[in-house]
Amino acid sequence: HNPSPCSAVDLANGVDKGTAVLKDIVGIAQFL
């Protein structure tokens, strides 16, 4: 339950419909 290196992983609807949020290496506050 630690999504590192992502900031968040949501698997509530399963991996096939899940999402992850990752800090981009470019920018001071850009996320993907």
All heavy atoms as atom14 arrays in JSON, in Angstrom:
{
  "sequence": "HNPSPCSAVDLANGVDKGTAVLKDIVGIAQFL",
  "atom14_mask": [
    [1, 1, 1, 1, 1, 1, 1, 1, 1, 1, 0, 0, 0, 0],
    [1, 1, 1, 1, 1, 1, 1, 1, 0, 0, 0, 0, 0, 0],
    [1, 1, 1, 1, 1, 1, 1, 0, 0, 0, 0, 0, 0, 0],
    [1, 1, 1, 1, 1, 1, 0, 0, 0, 0, 0, 0, 0, 0],
    [1, 1, 1, 1, 1, 1, 1, 0, 0, 0, 0, 0, 0, 0],
    [1, 1, 1, 1, 1, 1, 0, 0, 0, 0, 0, 0, 0, 0],
    [1, 1, 1, 1, 1, 1, 0, 0, 0, 0, 0, 0, 0, 0],
    [1, 1, 1, 1, 1, 0, 0, 0, 0, 0, 0, 0, 0, 0],
    [1, 1, 1, 1, 1, 1, 1, 0, 0, 0, 0, 0, 0, 0],
    [1, 1, 1, 1, 1, 1, 1, 1, 0, 0, 0, 0, 0, 0],
    [1, 1, 1, 1, 1, 1, 1, 1, 0, 0, 0, 0, 0, 0],
    [1, 1, 1, 1, 1, 0, 0, 0, 0, 0, 0, 0, 0, 0],
    [1, 1, 1, 1, 1, 1, 1, 1, 0, 0, 0, 0, 0, 0],
    [1, 1, 1, 1, 0, 0, 0, 0, 0, 0, 0, 0, 0, 0],
    [1, 1, 1, 1, 1, 1, 1, 0, 0, 0, 0, 0, 0, 0],
    [1, 1, 1, 1, 1, 1, 1, 1, 0, 0, 0, 0, 0, 0],
    [1, 1, 1, 1, 1, 1, 1, 1, 1, 0, 0, 0, 0, 0],
    [1, 1, 1, 1, 0, 0, 0, 0, 0, 0, 0, 0, 0, 0],
    [1, 1, 1, 1, 1, 1, 1, 0, 0, 0, 0, 0, 0, 0],
    [1, 1, 1, 1, 1, 0, 0, 0, 0, 0, 0, 0, 0, 0],
    [1, 1, 1, 1, 1, 1, 1, 0, 0, 0, 0, 0, 0, 0],
    [1, 1, 1, 1, 1, 1, 1, 1, 0, 0, 0, 0, 0, 0],
    [1, 1, 1, 1, 1, 1, 1, 1, 1, 0, 0, 0, 0, 0],
    [1, 1, 1, 1, 1, 1, 1, 1, 0, 0, 0, 0, 0, 0],
    [1, 1, 1, 1, 1, 1, 1, 1, 0, 0, 0, 0, 0, 0],
    [1, 1, 1, 1, 1, 1, 1, 0, 0, 0, 0, 0, 0, 0],
    [1, 1, 1, 1, 0, 0, 0, 0, 0, 0, 0, 0, 0, 0],
    [1, 1, 1, 1, 1, 1, 1, 1, 0, 0, 0, 0, 0, 0],
    [1, 1, 1, 1, 1, 0, 0, 0, 0, 0, 0, 0, 0, 0],
    [1, 1, 1, 1, 1, 1, 1, 1, 1, 0, 0, 0, 0, 0],
    [1, 1, 1, 1, 1, 1, 1, 1, 1, 1, 1, 0, 0, 0],
    [1, 1, 1, 1, 1, 1, 1, 1, 0, 0, 0, 0, 0, 0]
  ],
  "atom14_positions": [
    [[0.83, -1.22, 0.0], [0.0, 0.0, 0.0], [0.85, 1.26, 0.0], [0.45, 2.31, 0.5], [-0.95, 0.01, 1.2], [-1.89, -1.16, 1.21], [-2.86, -1.35, 0.24], [-1.98, -2.23, 2.04], [-3.51, -2.47, 0.5], [-3.01, -3.03, 1.57], [0.0, 0.0, 0.0], [0.0, 0.0, 0.0], [0.0, 0.0, 0.0], [0.0, 0.0, 0.0]],
    [[2.04, 1.12, -0.57], [2.94, 2.27, -0.79], [3.26, 2.31, -2.27], [4.0, 1.45, -2.76], [4.21, 2.11, 0.04], [5.19, 3.26, -0.18], [4.99, 4.13, -1.04], [6.27, 3.28, 0.59], [0.0, 0.0, 0.0], [0.0, 0.0, 0.0], [0.0, 0.0, 0.0], [0.0, 0.0, 0.0], [0.0, 0.0, 0.0], [0.0, 0.0, 0.0]],
    [[2.71, 3.29, -3.02], [2.84, 3.27, -4.47], [4.17, 3.75, -5.02], [4.33, 3.86, -6.23], [1.73, 4.23, -4.92], [1.66, 5.24, -3.8], [1.92, 4.45, -2.55], [0.0, 0.0, 0.0], [0.0, 0.0, 0.0], [0.0, 0.0, 0.0], [0.0, 0.0, 0.0], [0.0, 0.0, 0.0], [0.0, 0.0, 0.0], [0.0, 0.0, 0.0]],
    [[5.14, 4.03, -4.17], [6.44, 4.55, -4.61], [7.0, 3.74, -5.79], [6.88, 2.5, -5.8], [7.41, 4.52, -3.43], [8.67, 4.99, -3.82], [0.0, 0.0, 0.0], [0.0, 0.0, 0.0], [0.0, 0.0, 0.0], [0.0, 0.0, 0.0], [0.0, 0.0, 0.0], [0.0, 0.0, 0.0], [0.0, 0.0, 0.0], [0.0, 0.0, 0.0]],
    [[7.58, 4.41, -6.75], [7.92, 5.84, -6.86], [6.76, 6.73, -7.32], [6.96, 7.94, -7.5], [9.05, 5.85, -7.89], [8.72, 4.71, -8.79], [8.17, 3.64, -7.88], [0.0, 0.0, 0.0], [0.0, 0.0, 0.0], [0.0, 0.0, 0.0], [0.0, 0.0, 0.0], [0.0, 0.0, 0.0], [0.0, 0.0, 0.0], [0.0, 0.0, 0.0]],
    [[5.59, 6.18, -7.54], [4.43, 7.0, -7.86], [3.93, 7.72, -6.61], [4.21, 7.3, -5.48], [3.3, 6.15, -8.44], [3.62, 5.53, -10.12], [0.0, 0.0, 0.0], [0.0, 0.0, 0.0], [0.0, 0.0, 0.0], [0.0, 0.0, 0.0], [0.0, 0.0, 0.0], [0.0, 0.0, 0.0], [0.0, 0.0, 0.0], [0.0, 0.0, 0.0]],
    [[3.2, 8.78, -6.82], [2.59, 9.5, -5.7], [1.27, 8.86, -5.28], [0.86, 8.99, -4.13], [2.35, 10.96, -6.09], [3.56, 11.6, -6.38], [0.0, 0.0, 0.0], [0.0, 0.0, 0.0], [0.0, 0.0, 0.0], [0.0, 0.0, 0.0], [0.0, 0.0, 0.0], [0.0, 0.0, 0.0], [0.0, 0.0, 0.0], [0.0, 0.0, 0.0]],
    [[0.61, 8.19, -6.22], [-0.66, 7.53, -5.92], [-0.93, 6.47, -6.96], [-0.54, 6.59, -8.12], [-1.8, 8.56, -5.91], [0.0, 0.0, 0.0], [0.0, 0.0, 0.0], [0.0, 0.0, 0.0], [0.0, 0.0, 0.0], [0.0, 0.0, 0.0], [0.0, 0.0, 0.0], [0.0, 0.0, 0.0], [0.0, 0.0, 0.0], [0.0, 0.0, 0.0]],
    [[-1.61, 5.42, -6.53], [-2.12, 4.39, -7.43], [-3.53, 4.06, -6.98], [-3.76, 3.79, -5.8], [-1.25, 3.11, -7.41], [-1.95, 1.96, -8.15], [0.12, 3.36, -8.03], [0.0, 0.0, 0.0], [0.0, 0.0, 0.0], [0.0, 0.0, 0.0], [0.0, 0.0, 0.0], [0.0, 0.0, 0.0], [0.0, 0.0, 0.0], [0.0, 0.0, 0.0]],
    [[-4.47, 4.11, -7.9], [-5.87, 3.81, -7.6], [-6.26, 2.55, -8.36], [-6.37, 2.57, -9.59], [-6.77, 4.97, -8.01], [-8.23, 4.74, -7.66], [-8.57, 3.65, -7.16], [-9.05, 5.66, -7.88], [0.0, 0.0, 0.0], [0.0, 0.0, 0.0], [0.0, 0.0, 0.0], [0.0, 0.0, 0.0], [0.0, 0.0, 0.0], [0.0, 0.0, 0.0]],
    [[-6.48, 1.47, -7.63], [-6.86, 0.2, -8.23], [-8.27, -0.21, -7.8], [-8.63, -1.38, -7.85], [-5.87, -0.91, -7.81], [-4.41, -0.69, -8.22], [-3.53, -1.79, -7.66], [-4.27, -0.59, -9.72], [0.0, 0.0, 0.0], [0.0, 0.0, 0.0], [0.0, 0.0, 0.0], [0.0, 0.0, 0.0], [0.0, 0.0, 0.0], [0.0, 0.0, 0.0]],
    [[-9.08, 0.78, -7.41], [-10.43, 0.49, -6.9], [-11.27, -0.29, -7.9], [-12.1, -1.11, -7.53], [-11.13, 1.79, -6.52], [0.0, 0.0, 0.0], [0.0, 0.0, 0.0], [0.0, 0.0, 0.0], [0.0, 0.0, 0.0], [0.0, 0.0, 0.0], [0.0, 0.0, 0.0], [0.0, 0.0, 0.0], [0.0, 0.0, 0.0], [0.0, 0.0, 0.0]],
    [[-11.05, -0.02, -9.19], [-11.81, -0.72, -10.24], [-10.99, -1.78, -10.95], [-11.33, -2.21, -12.05], [-12.34, 0.3, -11.25], [-13.34, 1.26, -10.63], [-14.25, 0.84, -9.93], [-13.15, 2.55, -10.87], [0.0, 0.0, 0.0], [0.0, 0.0, 0.0], [0.0, 0.0, 0.0], [0.0, 0.0, 0.0], [0.0, 0.0, 0.0], [0.0, 0.0, 0.0]],
    [[-9.89, -2.19, -10.31], [-9.04, -3.2, -10.9], [-7.91, -2.6, -11.7], [-7.95, -1.43, -12.11], [0.0, 0.0, 0.0], [0.0, 0.0, 0.0], [0.0, 0.0, 0.0], [0.0, 0.0, 0.0], [0.0, 0.0, 0.0], [0.0, 0.0, 0.0], [0.0, 0.0, 0.0], [0.0, 0.0, 0.0], [0.0, 0.0, 0.0], [0.0, 0.0, 0.0]],
    [[-6.88, -3.4, -11.95], [-5.71, -2.93, -12.67], [-6.07, -2.47, -14.07], [-5.53, -1.5, -14.6], [-4.63, -4.04, -12.73], [-3.47, -3.63, -13.63], [-4.11, -4.35, -11.33], [0.0, 0.0, 0.0], [0.0, 0.0, 0.0], [0.0, 0.0, 0.0], [0.0, 0.0, 0.0], [0.0, 0.0, 0.0], [0.0, 0.0, 0.0], [0.0, 0.0, 0.0]],
    [[-7.02, -3.16, -14.72], [-7.37, -2.83, -16.1], [-8.02, -1.45, -16.23], [-8.05, -0.9, -17.33], [-8.33, -3.88, -16.68], [-7.62, -5.2, -16.95], [-6.38, -5.21, -16.97], [-8.3, -6.21, -17.13], [0.0, 0.0, 0.0], [0.0, 0.0, 0.0], [0.0, 0.0, 0.0], [0.0, 0.0, 0.0], [0.0, 0.0, 0.0], [0.0, 0.0, 0.0]],
    [[-8.53, -0.91, -15.12], [-9.15, 0.42, -15.18], [-8.55, 1.37, -14.16], [-9.12, 2.42, -13.87], [-10.66, 0.31, -14.97], [-11.37, -0.43, -16.09], [-12.87, -0.24, -16.04], [-13.53, -0.86, -17.27], [-14.94, -0.49, -17.41], [0.0, 0.0, 0.0], [0.0, 0.0, 0.0], [0.0, 0.0, 0.0], [0.0, 0.0, 0.0], [0.0, 0.0, 0.0]],
    [[-7.41, 1.0, -13.63], [-6.78, 1.81, -12.6], [-5.96, 2.95, -13.15], [-5.76, 3.1, -14.36], [0.0, 0.0, 0.0], [0.0, 0.0, 0.0], [0.0, 0.0, 0.0], [0.0, 0.0, 0.0], [0.0, 0.0, 0.0], [0.0, 0.0, 0.0], [0.0, 0.0, 0.0], [0.0, 0.0, 0.0], [0.0, 0.0, 0.0], [0.0, 0.0, 0.0]],
    [[-5.47, 3.79, -12.25], [-4.65, 4.94, -12.62], [-3.49, 5.1, -11.63], [-3.57, 4.69, -10.47], [-5.46, 6.25, -12.63], [-6.02, 6.47, -11.33], [-6.58, 6.19, -13.67], [0.0, 0.0, 0.0], [0.0, 0.0, 0.0], [0.0, 0.0, 0.0], [0.0, 0.0, 0.0], [0.0, 0.0, 0.0], [0.0, 0.0, 0.0], [0.0, 0.0, 0.0]],
    [[-2.44, 5.71, -12.14], [-1.3, 6.06, -11.3], [-0.94, 7.51, -11.54], [-1.16, 8.05, -12.64], [-0.1, 5.16, -11.61], [0.0, 0.0, 0.0], [0.0, 0.0, 0.0], [0.0, 0.0, 0.0], [0.0, 0.0, 0.0], [0.0, 0.0, 0.0], [0.0, 0.0, 0.0], [0.0, 0.0, 0.0], [0.0, 0.0, 0.0], [0.0, 0.0, 0.0]],
    [[-0.4, 8.16, -10.53], [0.07, 9.54, -10.64], [1.55, 9.55, -10.31], [1.97, 9.07, -9.26], [-0.69, 10.48, -9.68], [-0.16, 11.91, -9.82], [-2.18, 10.44, -9.96], [0.0, 0.0, 0.0], [0.0, 0.0, 0.0], [0.0, 0.0, 0.0], [0.0, 0.0, 0.0], [0.0, 0.0, 0.0], [0.0, 0.0, 0.0], [0.0, 0.0, 0.0]],
    [[2.34, 10.08, -11.23], [3.8, 10.07, -11.09], [4.35, 11.47, -11.3], [3.97, 12.15, -12.25], [4.4, 9.11, -12.14], [5.92, 9.03, -12.22], [6.5, 8.37, -10.98], [6.35, 8.27, -13.49], [0.0, 0.0, 0.0], [0.0, 0.0, 0.0], [0.0, 0.0, 0.0], [0.0, 0.0, 0.0], [0.0, 0.0, 0.0], [0.0, 0.0, 0.0]],
    [[5.25, 11.89, -10.43], [5.95, 13.17, -10.63], [6.88, 13.04, -11.83], [7.7, 12.14, -11.89], [6.76, 13.54, -9.38], [7.66, 14.76, -9.54], [6.87, 16.03, -9.75], [7.78, 17.25, -9.94], [8.52, 17.24, -11.22], [0.0, 0.0, 0.0], [0.0, 0.0, 0.0], [0.0, 0.0, 0.0], [0.0, 0.0, 0.0], [0.0, 0.0, 0.0]],
    [[6.71, 13.95, -12.79], [7.59, 13.95, -13.95], [8.97, 14.46, -13.54], [9.09, 15.29, -12.64], [6.99, 14.83, -15.05], [7.62, 14.59, -16.41], [8.8, 14.95, -16.59], [6.93, 14.04, -17.28], [0.0, 0.0, 0.0], [0.0, 0.0, 0.0], [0.0, 0.0, 0.0], [0.0, 0.0, 0.0], [0.0, 0.0, 0.0], [0.0, 0.0, 0.0]],
    [[10.0, 13.98, -14.23], [11.34, 14.47, -13.92], [11.54, 15.89, -14.43], [12.48, 16.57, -14.01], [12.43, 13.55, -14.51], [12.29, 13.45, -16.04], [12.37, 12.17, -13.88], [13.42, 12.68, -16.7], [0.0, 0.0, 0.0], [0.0, 0.0, 0.0], [0.0, 0.0, 0.0], [0.0, 0.0, 0.0], [0.0, 0.0, 0.0], [0.0, 0.0, 0.0]],
    [[10.65, 16.35, -15.32], [10.73, 17.7, -15.86], [9.76, 18.6, -15.1], [8.61, 18.24, -14.87], [10.37, 17.73, -17.36], [10.34, 19.16, -17.88], [11.37, 16.9, -18.16], [0.0, 0.0, 0.0], [0.0, 0.0, 0.0], [0.0, 0.0, 0.0], [0.0, 0.0, 0.0], [0.0, 0.0, 0.0], [0.0, 0.0, 0.0], [0.0, 0.0, 0.0]],
    [[10.22, 19.78, -14.69], [9.33, 20.75, -14.06], [9.33, 20.66, -12.55], [9.65, 19.64, -11.95], [0.0, 0.0, 0.0], [0.0, 0.0, 0.0], [0.0, 0.0, 0.0], [0.0, 0.0, 0.0], [0.0, 0.0, 0.0], [0.0, 0.0, 0.0], [0.0, 0.0, 0.0], [0.0, 0.0, 0.0], [0.0, 0.0, 0.0], [0.0, 0.0, 0.0]],
    [[8.92, 21.77, -11.94], [8.91, 21.81, -10.48], [7.65, 21.18, -9.9], [7.63, 20.77, -8.74], [9.05, 23.27, -9.97], [7.89, 24.14, -10.47], [10.37, 23.86, -10.41], [7.91, 25.54, -9.89], [0.0, 0.0, 0.0], [0.0, 0.0, 0.0], [0.0, 0.0, 0.0], [0.0, 0.0, 0.0], [0.0, 0.0, 0.0], [0.0, 0.0, 0.0]],
    [[6.59, 21.1, -10.69], [5.33, 20.58, -10.15], [4.53, 19.8, -11.18], [3.33, 19.63, -11.02], [4.49, 21.74, -9.59], [0.0, 0.0, 0.0], [0.0, 0.0, 0.0], [0.0, 0.0, 0.0], [0.0, 0.0, 0.0], [0.0, 0.0, 0.0], [0.0, 0.0, 0.0], [0.0, 0.0, 0.0], [0.0, 0.0, 0.0], [0.0, 0.0, 0.0]],
    [[5.18, 19.33, -12.23], [4.48, 18.58, -13.26], [4.27, 17.13, -12.83], [5.22, 16.46, -12.42], [5.24, 18.6, -14.6], [4.5, 17.84, -15.67], [5.28, 17.66, -16.96], [4.73, 17.19, -17.96], [6.57, 18.01, -16.97], [0.0, 0.0, 0.0], [0.0, 0.0, 0.0], [0.0, 0.0, 0.0], [0.0, 0.0, 0.0], [0.0, 0.0, 0.0]],
    [[3.03, 16.67, -12.95], [2.7, 15.28, -12.67], [2.08, 14.65, -13.91], [1.58, 15.34, -14.79], [1.74, 15.17, -11.49], [2.4, 15.39, -10.16], [2.66, 16.68, -9.69], [2.79, 14.31, -9.37], [3.29, 16.89, -8.47], [3.43, 14.52, -8.15], [3.66, 15.8, -7.69], [0.0, 0.0, 0.0], [0.0, 0.0, 0.0], [0.0, 0.0, 0.0]],
    [[2.13, 13.33, -13.96], [1.55, 12.57, -15.05], [0.49, 11.63, -14.52], [0.7, 10.96, -13.5], [2.62, 11.75, -15.78], [3.84, 12.5, -16.31], [4.85, 11.52, -16.9], [3.44, 13.54, -17.34], [0.0, 0.0, 0.0], [0.0, 0.0, 0.0], [0.0, 0.0, 0.0], [0.0, 0.0, 0.0], [0.0, 0.0, 0.0], [0.0, 0.0, 0.0]]
  ]
}
